[in-house]
Amino acid sequence: MDKKPRIVFMGTPAFAVASLSALLAAKMNVVAVVTAPDKPGGRGMQLQQSAVKQFAIENNIPVLQPEKLKSPEFFESLKTLEPDLQVVVAFRMLPEIIWSFPPMGTLNLHGSLLPQYRGAAPINWAIINGEKQTGVTTFQLQHAIDTGNILLQAPIDISENMTAGELHDTMKEVGAALLVKTIEGLNNNSIQAKAQSEMNVELKHAPKIFTQDCEINWELPAESIHNLIRGLAPFPGAITKIDGKMAKLFTTHVIDTPAAEKAGSFITDGKTFAKIACSNGYIGIDDIQWEGKKRMPITDFLRGYRKPI
């Protein structure tokens, strides 16, 4: 195919904006954007536009915001756009009638090296599980979620103290570049899709994060706890109780010294440091969000902290 394909882009959060921006920078023919309906939020519960909608408006791209993806009206609107290809980045699950109708199909960008970490939270679970490497994958949508044929992949190293937020920011840029490369490859027929079923690996999954997943078990080894904390930072945050009050921990470090205190004990000099005992050492706290307070460095927290008698 010599001419640039007509692309409908589907996405909602800031993560997807990086990909849409990269498509425009590469002079791709984006004919419309599909994103979530405006929702009330913030002070006064004013209607809020998605990050993708805001970017699309700034760049004069038509925007569709269907309430229901299965509605005949939405499908008819898509057909009038005559897309050759649909691109999905951080969007809702599409019905088959939507993802299957463009001649070049529908392309998805996923935040892992598929088939590993299929699911809603691949960034979080890769860090929580202590992975040293993850990546991004472009693949063709099929009926079962995250199971389509793989097109291209790009690895990303996970450093020892990298948080989910930091990996997210790296991944959105690497993913955007991979997406452009994938579309160019599809357009000139230089990419050979590979079935995930051909990859014989023990699968690790990335389900949605729930509150119980965020609770710290201080009976675990320090490295496992450190991985959980950074894998949940900055959102939703790992939670624990200190002096009977709920707290969130965001950045921490491992202290290898064997713990003399009971697991879960909070130890501090009241001025410069705080740590919590675990099964094989301590977790040093770098910043914290005390119940009802803002996130702050541990030294600021300790200025107002008084250990209960």
C-alpha atoms as a PDB file:
ATOM      1  CA  MET A   1       0.000   0.000   0.000  1.00  0.00           C
ATOM      2  CA  ASP A   2       1.589   3.264  -1.154  1.00  0.00           C
ATOM      3  CA  LYS A   3      -0.801   5.807   0.327  1.00  0.00           C
ATOM      4  CA  LYS A   4      -0.982   6.405   4.065  1.00  0.00           C
ATOM      5  CA  PRO A   5      -3.850   4.479   5.681  1.00  0.00           C
ATOM      6  CA  ARG A   6      -6.832   6.340   7.089  1.00  0.00           C
ATOM      7  CA  ILE A   7      -6.561   5.853  10.870  1.00  0.00           C
ATOM      8  CA  VAL A   8      -9.162   6.145  13.617  1.00  0.00           C
ATOM      9  CA  PHE A   9      -7.392   6.473  16.975  1.00  0.00           C
ATOM     10  CA  MET A  10      -9.061   5.231  20.175  1.00  0.00           C
ATOM     11  CA  GLY A  11      -7.758   6.225  23.613  1.00  0.00           C
ATOM     12  CA  THR A  12      -8.531   8.225  26.730  1.00  0.00           C
ATOM     13  CA  PRO A  13      -5.721   9.039  29.252  1.00  0.00           C
ATOM     14  CA  ALA A  14      -2.429  10.941  28.978  1.00  0.00           C
ATOM     15  CA  PHE A  15      -0.631   7.668  28.232  1.00  0.00           C
ATOM     16  CA  ALA A  16      -2.496   7.535  24.909  1.00  0.00           C
ATOM     17  CA  VAL A  17      -1.728  11.161  24.049  1.00  0.00           C
ATOM     18  CA  ALA A  18       1.965  10.308  23.540  1.00  0.00           C
ATOM     19  CA  SER A  19       0.998   7.777  20.862  1.00  0.00           C
ATOM     20  CA  LEU A  20      -1.454  10.106  19.131  1.00  0.00           C
ATOM     21  CA  SER A  21       1.145  12.872  19.146  1.00  0.00           C
ATOM     22  CA  ALA A  22       3.726  10.516  17.611  1.00  0.00           C
ATOM     23  CA  LEU A  23       1.314   9.556  14.816  1.00  0.00           C
ATOM     24  CA  LEU A  24       0.778  13.217  13.946  1.00  0.00           C
ATOM     25  CA  ALA A  25       4.514  13.936  14.084  1.00  0.00           C
ATOM     26  CA  ALA A  26       5.060  11.049  11.644  1.00  0.00           C
ATOM     27  CA  LYS A  27       2.472  12.609   9.299  1.00  0.00           C
ATOM     28  CA  MET A  28       0.058   9.713   9.719  1.00  0.00           C
ATOM     29  CA  ASN A  29      -3.459  10.251   8.376  1.00  0.00           C
ATOM     30  CA  VAL A  30      -5.531  10.339  11.598  1.00  0.00           C
ATOM     31  CA  VAL A  31      -9.082  11.057  10.442  1.00  0.00           C
ATOM     32  CA  ALA A  32     -10.808  10.938  13.849  1.00  0.00           C
ATOM     33  CA  VAL A  33     -10.388  10.153  17.529  1.00  0.00           C
ATOM     34  CA  VAL A  34     -12.695   8.037  19.683  1.00  0.00           C
ATOM     35  CA  THR A  35     -12.528   8.698  23.417  1.00  0.00           C
ATOM     36  CA  ALA A  36     -14.584   8.476  26.608  1.00  0.00           C
ATOM     37  CA  PRO A  37     -17.553  10.782  27.192  1.00  0.00           C
ATOM     38  CA  ASP A  38     -16.931  13.870  29.311  1.00  0.00           C
ATOM     39  CA  LYS A  39     -17.362  13.133  33.018  1.00  0.00           C
ATOM     40  CA  PRO A  40     -17.980  15.384  36.034  1.00  0.00           C
ATOM     41  CA  GLY A  41     -14.955  15.834  38.273  1.00  0.00           C
ATOM     42  CA  GLY A  42     -12.856  18.238  40.302  1.00  0.00           C
ATOM     43  CA  ARG A  43     -14.214  21.051  42.431  1.00  0.00           C
ATOM     44  CA  GLY A  44     -17.781  21.832  41.488  1.00  0.00           C
ATOM     45  CA  MET A  45     -17.993  18.561  39.542  1.00  0.00           C
ATOM     46  CA  GLN A  46     -17.626  20.342  36.208  1.00  0.00           C
ATOM     47  CA  LEU A  47     -17.544  18.198  33.074  1.00  0.00           C
ATOM     48  CA  GLN A  48     -13.964  17.097  32.360  1.00  0.00           C
ATOM     49  CA  GLN A  49     -12.632  16.224  28.921  1.00  0.00           C
ATOM     50  CA  SER A  50     -10.259  13.290  28.504  1.00  0.00           C
ATOM     51  CA  ALA A  51      -6.593  14.040  27.814  1.00  0.00           C
ATOM     52  CA  VAL A  52      -6.983  12.560  24.324  1.00  0.00           C
ATOM     53  CA  LYS A  53     -10.004  14.757  23.549  1.00  0.00           C
ATOM     54  CA  GLN A  54      -8.160  17.882  24.643  1.00  0.00           C
ATOM     55  CA  PHE A  55      -5.201  17.015  22.422  1.00  0.00           C
ATOM     56  CA  ALA A  56      -7.450  16.156  19.473  1.00  0.00           C
ATOM     57  CA  ILE A  57      -9.296  19.478  19.702  1.00  0.00           C
ATOM     58  CA  GLU A  58      -5.995  21.382  19.878  1.00  0.00           C
ATOM     59  CA  ASN A  59      -4.945  19.608  16.681  1.00  0.00           C
ATOM     60  CA  ASN A  60      -8.262  19.945  14.843  1.00  0.00           C
ATOM     61  CA  ILE A  61      -9.040  16.222  14.779  1.00  0.00           C
ATOM     62  CA  PRO A  62     -12.742  15.221  14.820  1.00  0.00           C
ATOM     63  CA  VAL A  63     -13.803  13.553  18.081  1.00  0.00           C
ATOM     64  CA  LEU A  64     -16.366  10.799  18.691  1.00  0.00           C
ATOM     65  CA  GLN A  65     -17.526  10.060  22.262  1.00  0.00           C
ATOM     66  CA  PRO A  66     -19.964   7.145  22.200  1.00  0.00           C
ATOM     67  CA  GLU A  67     -21.765   6.235  25.412  1.00  0.00           C
ATOM     68  CA  LYS A  68     -22.170   2.673  24.128  1.00  0.00           C
ATOM     69  CA  LEU A  69     -19.668   1.095  21.761  1.00  0.00           C
ATOM     70  CA  LYS A  70     -22.299  -1.353  20.505  1.00  0.00           C
ATOM     71  CA  SER A  71     -24.741   1.342  19.415  1.00  0.00           C
ATOM     72  CA  PRO A  72     -25.679   1.259  15.703  1.00  0.00           C
ATOM     73  CA  GLU A  73     -25.238   5.048  15.551  1.00  0.00           C
ATOM     74  CA  PHE A  74     -21.581   4.781  16.596  1.00  0.00           C
ATOM     75  CA  PHE A  75     -20.893   2.049  14.058  1.00  0.00           C
ATOM     76  CA  GLU A  76     -22.486   4.112  11.289  1.00  0.00           C
ATOM     77  CA  SER A  77     -20.366   7.117  12.294  1.00  0.00           C
ATOM     78  CA  LEU A  78     -17.224   4.981  12.063  1.00  0.00           C
ATOM     79  CA  LYS A  79     -18.178   3.596   8.668  1.00  0.00           C
ATOM     80  CA  THR A  80     -18.608   7.101   7.242  1.00  0.00           C
ATOM     81  CA  LEU A  81     -14.975   7.780   8.176  1.00  0.00           C
ATOM     82  CA  GLU A  82     -13.866   4.849   5.979  1.00  0.00           C
ATOM     83  CA  PRO A  83     -10.875   3.900   8.153  1.00  0.00           C
ATOM     84  CA  ASP A  84      -8.273   1.502   6.795  1.00  0.00           C
ATOM     85  CA  LEU A  85      -6.932   0.883  10.306  1.00  0.00           C
ATOM     86  CA  GLN A  86      -7.977   1.486  13.896  1.00  0.00           C
ATOM     87  CA  VAL A  87      -5.412   2.077  16.638  1.00  0.00           C
ATOM     88  CA  VAL A  88      -6.258   1.438  20.302  1.00  0.00           C
ATOM     89  CA  VAL A  89      -4.163   2.751  23.206  1.00  0.00           C
ATOM     90  CA  ALA A  90      -5.552   2.620  26.771  1.00  0.00           C
ATOM     91  CA  PHE A  91      -9.226   2.396  25.783  1.00  0.00           C
ATOM     92  CA  ARG A  92     -12.235   0.246  26.525  1.00  0.00           C
ATOM     93  CA  MET A  93     -12.817  -3.294  25.293  1.00  0.00           C
ATOM     94  CA  LEU A  94     -14.253  -3.133  21.787  1.00  0.00           C
ATOM     95  CA  PRO A  95     -17.091  -5.291  20.443  1.00  0.00           C
ATOM     96  CA  GLU A  96     -16.136  -7.497  17.493  1.00  0.00           C
ATOM     97  CA  ILE A  97     -18.264  -5.552  15.037  1.00  0.00           C
ATOM     98  CA  ILE A  98     -16.083  -2.502  15.748  1.00  0.00           C
ATOM     99  CA  TRP A  99     -12.576  -4.005  15.807  1.00  0.00           C
ATOM    100  CA  SER A 100     -13.081  -6.339  12.865  1.00  0.00           C
ATOM    101  CA  PHE A 101     -14.444  -4.090  10.136  1.00  0.00           C
ATOM    102  CA  PRO A 102     -11.442  -1.964   8.921  1.00  0.00           C
ATOM    103  CA  PRO A 103      -9.552  -3.636   6.031  1.00  0.00           C
ATOM    104  CA  MET A 104      -6.260  -3.538   8.002  1.00  0.00           C
ATOM    105  CA  GLY A 105      -7.969  -4.516  11.260  1.00  0.00           C
ATOM    106  CA  THR A 106      -7.435  -2.935  14.662  1.00  0.00           C
ATOM    107  CA  LEU A 107      -4.031  -2.498  16.256  1.00  0.00           C
ATOM    108  CA  ASN A 108      -3.485  -2.341  20.041  1.00  0.00           C
ATOM    109  CA  LEU A 109      -0.504  -1.137  22.104  1.00  0.00           C
ATOM    110  CA  HIS A 110      -0.003  -3.073  25.364  1.00  0.00           C
ATOM    111  CA  GLY A 111       2.362  -2.304  28.235  1.00  0.00           C
ATOM    112  CA  SER A 112       4.177  -5.629  28.472  1.00  0.00           C
ATOM    113  CA  LEU A 113       6.037  -8.169  26.399  1.00  0.00           C
ATOM    114  CA  LEU A 114       3.052 -10.322  25.481  1.00  0.00           C
ATOM    115  CA  PRO A 115       1.997 -12.996  26.135  1.00  0.00           C
ATOM    116  CA  GLN A 116       3.272 -12.078  29.611  1.00  0.00           C
ATOM    117  CA  TYR A 117       1.194  -9.749  31.764  1.00  0.00           C
ATOM    118  CA  ARG A 118      -2.066  -9.736  29.900  1.00  0.00           C
ATOM    119  CA  GLY A 119      -4.625  -7.652  31.735  1.00  0.00           C
ATOM    120  CA  ALA A 120      -5.406  -4.227  33.133  1.00  0.00           C
ATOM    121  CA  ALA A 121      -2.277  -3.489  35.208  1.00  0.00           C
ATOM    122  CA  PRO A 122       0.842  -4.804  33.421  1.00  0.00           C
ATOM    123  CA  ILE A 123       3.090  -1.955  34.592  1.00  0.00           C
ATOM    124  CA  ASN A 124       2.246  -2.497  38.263  1.00  0.00           C
ATOM    125  CA  TRP A 125       2.521  -6.282  38.284  1.00  0.00           C
ATOM    126  CA  ALA A 126       5.853  -6.400  36.453  1.00  0.00           C
ATOM    127  CA  ILE A 127       7.415  -4.296  39.213  1.00  0.00           C
ATOM    128  CA  ILE A 128       5.540  -6.003  42.047  1.00  0.00           C
ATOM    129  CA  ASN A 129       6.856  -9.357  40.797  1.00  0.00           C
ATOM    130  CA  GLY A 130      10.415  -8.052  40.734  1.00  0.00           C
ATOM    131  CA  GLU A 131      10.924  -8.262  36.978  1.00  0.00           C
ATOM    132  CA  LYS A 132      14.173  -6.788  35.636  1.00  0.00           C
ATOM    133  CA  GLN A 133      12.721  -6.214  32.182  1.00  0.00           C
ATOM    134  CA  THR A 134       9.349  -5.566  30.594  1.00  0.00           C
ATOM    135  CA  GLY A 135       8.401  -3.782  27.389  1.00  0.00           C
ATOM    136  CA  VAL A 136       5.664  -2.836  24.967  1.00  0.00           C
ATOM    137  CA  THR A 137       3.870  -4.869  22.326  1.00  0.00           C
ATOM    138  CA  THR A 138       1.798  -3.978  19.295  1.00  0.00           C
ATOM    139  CA  PHE A 139      -0.697  -6.673  18.322  1.00  0.00           C
ATOM    140  CA  GLN A 140      -3.832  -7.300  16.291  1.00  0.00           C
ATOM    141  CA  LEU A 141      -7.053  -7.307  18.279  1.00  0.00           C
ATOM    142  CA  GLN A 142      -8.927 -10.587  18.526  1.00  0.00           C
ATOM    143  CA  HIS A 143     -11.947 -11.684  20.558  1.00  0.00           C
ATOM    144  CA  ALA A 144     -10.141 -12.690  23.790  1.00  0.00           C
ATOM    145  CA  ILE A 145      -8.429  -9.750  25.515  1.00  0.00           C
ATOM    146  CA  ASP A 146      -4.679  -9.270  24.882  1.00  0.00           C
ATOM    147  CA  THR A 147      -4.384 -12.537  22.912  1.00  0.00           C
ATOM    148  CA  GLY A 148      -4.056 -11.292  19.328  1.00  0.00           C
ATOM    149  CA  ASN A 149      -1.143 -11.912  16.974  1.00  0.00           C
ATOM    150  CA  ILE A 150       2.005 -10.012  17.926  1.00  0.00           C
ATOM    151  CA  LEU A 151       3.381  -7.488  15.438  1.00  0.00           C
ATOM    152  CA  LEU A 152       6.366  -5.778  17.119  1.00  0.00           C
ATOM    153  CA  GLN A 153       7.896  -5.568  20.605  1.00  0.00           C
ATOM    154  CA  ALA A 154      10.391  -3.284  22.344  1.00  0.00           C
ATOM    155  CA  PRO A 155      12.052  -4.208  25.674  1.00  0.00           C
ATOM    156  CA  ILE A 156      12.410  -1.805  28.615  1.00  0.00           C
ATOM    157  CA  ASP A 157      14.763  -2.416  31.546  1.00  0.00           C
ATOM    158  CA  ILE A 158      13.359  -1.997  35.069  1.00  0.00           C
ATOM    159  CA  SER A 159      15.941  -0.521  37.435  1.00  0.00           C
ATOM    160  CA  GLU A 160      16.168  -1.505  41.100  1.00  0.00           C
ATOM    161  CA  ASN A 161      14.178   1.434  42.460  1.00  0.00           C
ATOM    162  CA  MET A 162      12.018   2.342  39.456  1.00  0.00           C
ATOM    163  CA  THR A 163       8.396   3.074  40.385  1.00  0.00           C
ATOM    164  CA  ALA A 164       5.299   2.296  38.366  1.00  0.00           C
ATOM    165  CA  GLY A 165       4.960   6.013  37.610  1.00  0.00           C
ATOM    166  CA  GLU A 166       8.480   6.195  36.218  1.00  0.00           C
ATOM    167  CA  LEU A 167       7.991   3.058  34.126  1.00  0.00           C
ATOM    168  CA  HIS A 168       4.680   4.454  32.851  1.00  0.00           C
ATOM    169  CA  ASP A 169       6.396   7.625  31.618  1.00  0.00           C
ATOM    170  CA  THR A 170       9.167   5.672  29.897  1.00  0.00           C
ATOM    171  CA  MET A 171       6.720   3.203  28.400  1.00  0.00           C
ATOM    172  CA  LYS A 172       4.426   5.789  26.835  1.00  0.00           C
ATOM    173  CA  GLU A 173       7.345   7.215  24.818  1.00  0.00           C
ATOM    174  CA  VAL A 174       8.807   3.830  23.815  1.00  0.00           C
ATOM    175  CA  GLY A 175       5.314   2.611  22.964  1.00  0.00           C
ATOM    176  CA  ALA A 176       4.551   5.659  20.837  1.00  0.00           C
ATOM    177  CA  ALA A 177       7.678   5.104  18.743  1.00  0.00           C
ATOM    178  CA  LEU A 178       6.888   1.394  18.373  1.00  0.00           C
ATOM    179  CA  LEU A 179       3.365   2.219  17.235  1.00  0.00           C
ATOM    180  CA  VAL A 180       4.637   4.441  14.429  1.00  0.00           C
ATOM    181  CA  LYS A 181       7.119   1.745  13.375  1.00  0.00           C
ATOM    182  CA  THR A 182       4.338  -0.851  13.382  1.00  0.00           C
ATOM    183  CA  ILE A 183       1.986   1.162  11.206  1.00  0.00           C
ATOM    184  CA  GLU A 184       4.780   1.875   8.735  1.00  0.00           C
ATOM    185  CA  GLY A 185       5.587  -1.858   8.660  1.00  0.00           C
ATOM    186  CA  LEU A 186       1.968  -2.833   8.093  1.00  0.00           C
ATOM    187  CA  ASN A 187       1.687  -0.280   5.342  1.00  0.00           C
ATOM    188  CA  ASN A 188       4.679  -1.644   3.410  1.00  0.00           C
ATOM    189  CA  ASN A 189       4.007  -5.314   4.304  1.00  0.00           C
ATOM    190  CA  SER A 190       7.347  -5.756   6.116  1.00  0.00           C
ATOM    191  CA  ILE A 191       5.887  -7.186   9.348  1.00  0.00           C
ATOM    192  CA  GLN A 192       5.101 -10.858   9.897  1.00  0.00           C
ATOM    193  CA  ALA A 193       2.508 -11.326  12.663  1.00  0.00           C
ATOM    194  CA  LYS A 194       3.225 -14.073  15.204  1.00  0.00           C
ATOM    195  CA  ALA A 195       0.593 -16.036  17.123  1.00  0.00           C
ATOM    196  CA  GLN A 196       0.959 -15.849  20.895  1.00  0.00           C
ATOM    197  CA  SER A 197       0.109 -19.542  21.085  1.00  0.00           C
ATOM    198  CA  GLU A 198       3.484 -20.264  19.448  1.00  0.00           C
ATOM    199  CA  MET A 199       5.316 -18.753  22.429  1.00  0.00           C
ATOM    200  CA  ASN A 200       5.769 -21.534  24.964  1.00  0.00           C
ATOM    201  CA  VAL A 201       6.169 -19.665  28.263  1.00  0.00           C
ATOM    202  CA  GLU A 202       4.679 -19.888  31.739  1.00  0.00           C
ATOM    203  CA  LEU A 203       2.201 -17.026  31.797  1.00  0.00           C
ATOM    204  CA  LYS A 204       2.105 -14.275  34.424  1.00  0.00           C
ATOM    205  CA  HIS A 205      -1.056 -12.196  34.547  1.00  0.00           C
ATOM    206  CA  ALA A 206      -1.808  -8.538  35.284  1.00  0.00           C
ATOM    207  CA  PRO A 207      -5.318  -8.259  36.715  1.00  0.00           C
ATOM    208  CA  LYS A 208      -6.860  -5.030  37.962  1.00  0.00           C
ATOM    209  CA  ILE A 209      -5.413  -3.782  41.268  1.00  0.00           C
ATOM    210  CA  PHE A 210      -7.810  -3.906  44.231  1.00  0.00           C
ATOM    211  CA  THR A 211      -7.462  -2.523  47.765  1.00  0.00           C
ATOM    212  CA  GLN A 212      -6.416  -5.880  49.194  1.00  0.00           C
ATOM    213  CA  ASP A 213      -3.529  -5.982  46.707  1.00  0.00           C
ATOM    214  CA  CYS A 214      -2.209  -2.738  48.204  1.00  0.00           C
ATOM    215  CA  GLU A 215      -1.958  -3.935  51.814  1.00  0.00           C
ATOM    216  CA  ILE A 216       1.621  -4.550  52.979  1.00  0.00           C
ATOM    217  CA  ASN A 217       2.348  -7.880  54.684  1.00  0.00           C
ATOM    218  CA  TRP A 218       5.353  -7.187  56.922  1.00  0.00           C
ATOM    219  CA  GLU A 219       6.006 -10.916  57.350  1.00  0.00           C
ATOM    220  CA  LEU A 220       7.378 -10.954  53.788  1.00  0.00           C
ATOM    221  CA  PRO A 221      11.051 -10.346  52.858  1.00  0.00           C
ATOM    222  CA  ALA A 222      12.189  -6.734  52.480  1.00  0.00           C
ATOM    223  CA  GLU A 223      12.752  -6.993  48.712  1.00  0.00           C
ATOM    224  CA  SER A 224       9.202  -8.255  48.098  1.00  0.00           C
ATOM    225  CA  ILE A 225       7.759  -5.407  50.163  1.00  0.00           C
ATOM    226  CA  HIS A 226       9.954  -2.827  48.406  1.00  0.00           C
ATOM    227  CA  ASN A 227       8.773  -4.162  45.036  1.00  0.00           C
ATOM    228  CA  LEU A 228       5.133  -3.907  46.111  1.00  0.00           C
ATOM    229  CA  ILE A 229       5.562  -0.314  47.288  1.00  0.00           C
ATOM    230  CA  ARG A 230       7.291   0.905  44.120  1.00  0.00           C
ATOM    231  CA  GLY A 231       4.910  -1.118  41.951  1.00  0.00           C
ATOM    232  CA  LEU A 232       1.975   0.816  43.422  1.00  0.00           C
ATOM    233  CA  ALA A 233       3.600   4.269  43.378  1.00  0.00           C
ATOM    234  CA  PRO A 234       2.323   6.871  42.867  1.00  0.00           C
ATOM    235  CA  PHE A 235      -1.123   5.325  42.438  1.00  0.00           C
ATOM    236  CA  PRO A 236      -2.926   3.707  44.123  1.00  0.00           C
ATOM    237  CA  GLY A 237      -0.172   3.542  46.786  1.00  0.00           C
ATOM    238  CA  ALA A 238       0.810   0.728  49.177  1.00  0.00           C
ATOM    239  CA  ILE A 239      -1.022   0.925  52.494  1.00  0.00           C
ATOM    240  CA  THR A 240      -0.221  -0.046  56.061  1.00  0.00           C
ATOM    241  CA  LYS A 241      -1.121   0.933  59.620  1.00  0.00           C
ATOM    242  CA  ILE A 242       1.285   2.852  61.833  1.00  0.00           C
ATOM    243  CA  ASP A 243       0.176   3.489  65.420  1.00  0.00           C
ATOM    244  CA  GLY A 244      -3.328   2.423  64.393  1.00  0.00           C
ATOM    245  CA  LYS A 245      -3.570   5.028  61.621  1.00  0.00           C
ATOM    246  CA  MET A 246      -3.590   4.296  57.904  1.00  0.00           C
ATOM    247  CA  ALA A 247      -0.581   5.419  55.888  1.00  0.00           C
ATOM    248  CA  LYS A 248       0.548   5.147  52.282  1.00  0.00           C
ATOM    249  CA  LEU A 249       4.187   4.521  51.364  1.00  0.00           C
ATOM    250  CA  PHE A 250       5.572   5.575  47.984  1.00  0.00           C
ATOM    251  CA  THR A 251       9.380   5.477  47.920  1.00  0.00           C
ATOM    252  CA  THR A 252      11.397   3.231  50.178  1.00  0.00           C
ATOM    253  CA  HIS A 253      14.737   1.439  50.394  1.00  0.00           C
ATOM    254  CA  VAL A 254      15.841  -1.948  51.658  1.00  0.00           C
ATOM    255  CA  ILE A 255      17.936  -2.141  54.837  1.00  0.00           C
ATOM    256  CA  ASP A 256      19.645  -5.534  54.977  1.00  0.00           C
ATOM    257  CA  THR A 257      20.391  -5.459  58.703  1.00  0.00           C
ATOM    258  CA  PRO A 258      18.553  -8.381  60.415  1.00  0.00           C
ATOM    259  CA  ALA A 259      15.465  -7.112  62.236  1.00  0.00           C
ATOM    260  CA  ALA A 260      15.566  -7.248  66.026  1.00  0.00           C
ATOM    261  CA  GLU A 261      11.944  -6.175  66.367  1.00  0.00           C
ATOM    262  CA  LYS A 262       8.666  -7.880  65.510  1.00  0.00           C
ATOM    263  CA  ALA A 263       7.600  -7.655  61.868  1.00  0.00           C
ATOM    264  CA  GLY A 264       5.571  -4.491  61.330  1.00  0.00           C
ATOM    265  CA  SER A 265       7.260  -2.531  64.139  1.00  0.00           C
ATOM    266  CA  PHE A 266       7.784   1.163  63.345  1.00  0.00           C
ATOM    267  CA  ILE A 267      11.206   2.402  64.430  1.00  0.00           C
ATOM    268  CA  THR A 268      12.383   6.025  64.258  1.00  0.00           C
ATOM    269  CA  ASP A 269      14.764   8.484  65.909  1.00  0.00           C
ATOM    270  CA  GLY A 270      11.984  11.055  65.611  1.00  0.00           C
ATOM    271  CA  LYS A 271      14.115  13.358  63.440  1.00  0.00           C
ATOM    272  CA  THR A 272      15.916  11.911  60.444  1.00  0.00           C
ATOM    273  CA  PHE A 273      14.818   8.349  59.711  1.00  0.00           C
ATOM    274  CA  ALA A 274      12.020   5.836  60.031  1.00  0.00           C
ATOM    275  CA  LYS A 275      11.966   2.156  59.175  1.00  0.00           C
ATOM    276  CA  ILE A 276       9.633  -0.798  59.551  1.00  0.00           C
ATOM    277  CA  ALA A 277      10.759  -4.310  60.476  1.00  0.00           C
ATOM    278  CA  CYS A 278      10.002  -7.208  58.156  1.00  0.00           C
ATOM    279  CA  SER A 279      10.953 -10.888  58.023  1.00  0.00           C
ATOM    280  CA  ASN A 280      14.601 -10.446  57.074  1.00  0.00           C
ATOM    281  CA  GLY A 281      15.463  -6.783  57.649  1.00  0.00           C
ATOM    282  CA  TYR A 282      13.862  -3.367  57.410  1.00  0.00           C
ATOM    283  CA  ILE A 283      12.141  -1.114  54.918  1.00  0.00           C
ATOM    284  CA  GLY A 284      13.470   2.439  55.161  1.00  0.00           C
ATOM    285  CA  ILE A 285      10.787   5.046  54.440  1.00  0.00           C
ATOM    286  CA  ASP A 286      11.682   7.952  52.138  1.00  0.00           C
ATOM    287  CA  ASP A 287       8.237   9.542  51.908  1.00  0.00           C
ATOM    288  CA  ILE A 288       4.809   8.885  53.364  1.00  0.00           C
ATOM    289  CA  GLN A 289       1.193  10.022  53.282  1.00  0.00           C
ATOM    290  CA  TRP A 290      -0.329   9.963  56.747  1.00  0.00           C
ATOM    291  CA  GLU A 291      -4.077   9.487  57.044  1.00  0.00           C
ATOM    292  CA  GLY A 292      -5.782  12.795  56.242  1.00  0.00           C
ATOM    293  CA  LYS A 293      -2.505  14.475  55.191  1.00  0.00           C
ATOM    294  CA  LYS A 294      -0.565  15.140  51.987  1.00  0.00           C
ATOM    295  CA  ARG A 295       2.362  13.079  50.775  1.00  0.00           C
ATOM    296  CA  MET A 296       5.608  14.343  52.317  1.00  0.00           C
ATOM    297  CA  PRO A 297       9.292  13.451  52.834  1.00  0.00           C
ATOM    298  CA  ILE A 298       9.879  11.374  55.960  1.00  0.00           C
ATOM    299  CA  THR A 299      11.834  14.217  57.637  1.00  0.00           C
ATOM    300  CA  ASP A 300       8.831  16.543  57.267  1.00  0.00           C
ATOM    301  CA  PHE A 301       6.541  13.839  58.605  1.00  0.00           C
ATOM    302  CA  LEU A 302       8.730  13.269  61.650  1.00  0.00           C
ATOM    303  CA  ARG A 303       8.644  16.943  62.626  1.00  0.00           C
ATOM    304  CA  GLY A 304       4.990  16.534  63.521  1.00  0.00           C
ATOM    305  CA  TYR A 305       5.072  12.895  64.585  1.00  0.00           C
ATOM    306  CA  ARG A 306       4.596  11.945  68.234  1.00  0.00           C
ATOM    307  CA  LYS A 307       4.799   8.272  69.119  1.00  0.00           C
ATOM    308  CA  PRO A 308       1.790   7.264  71.216  1.00  0.00           C
ATOM    309  CA  ILE A 309       2.526   6.378  74.832  1.00  0.00           C
END
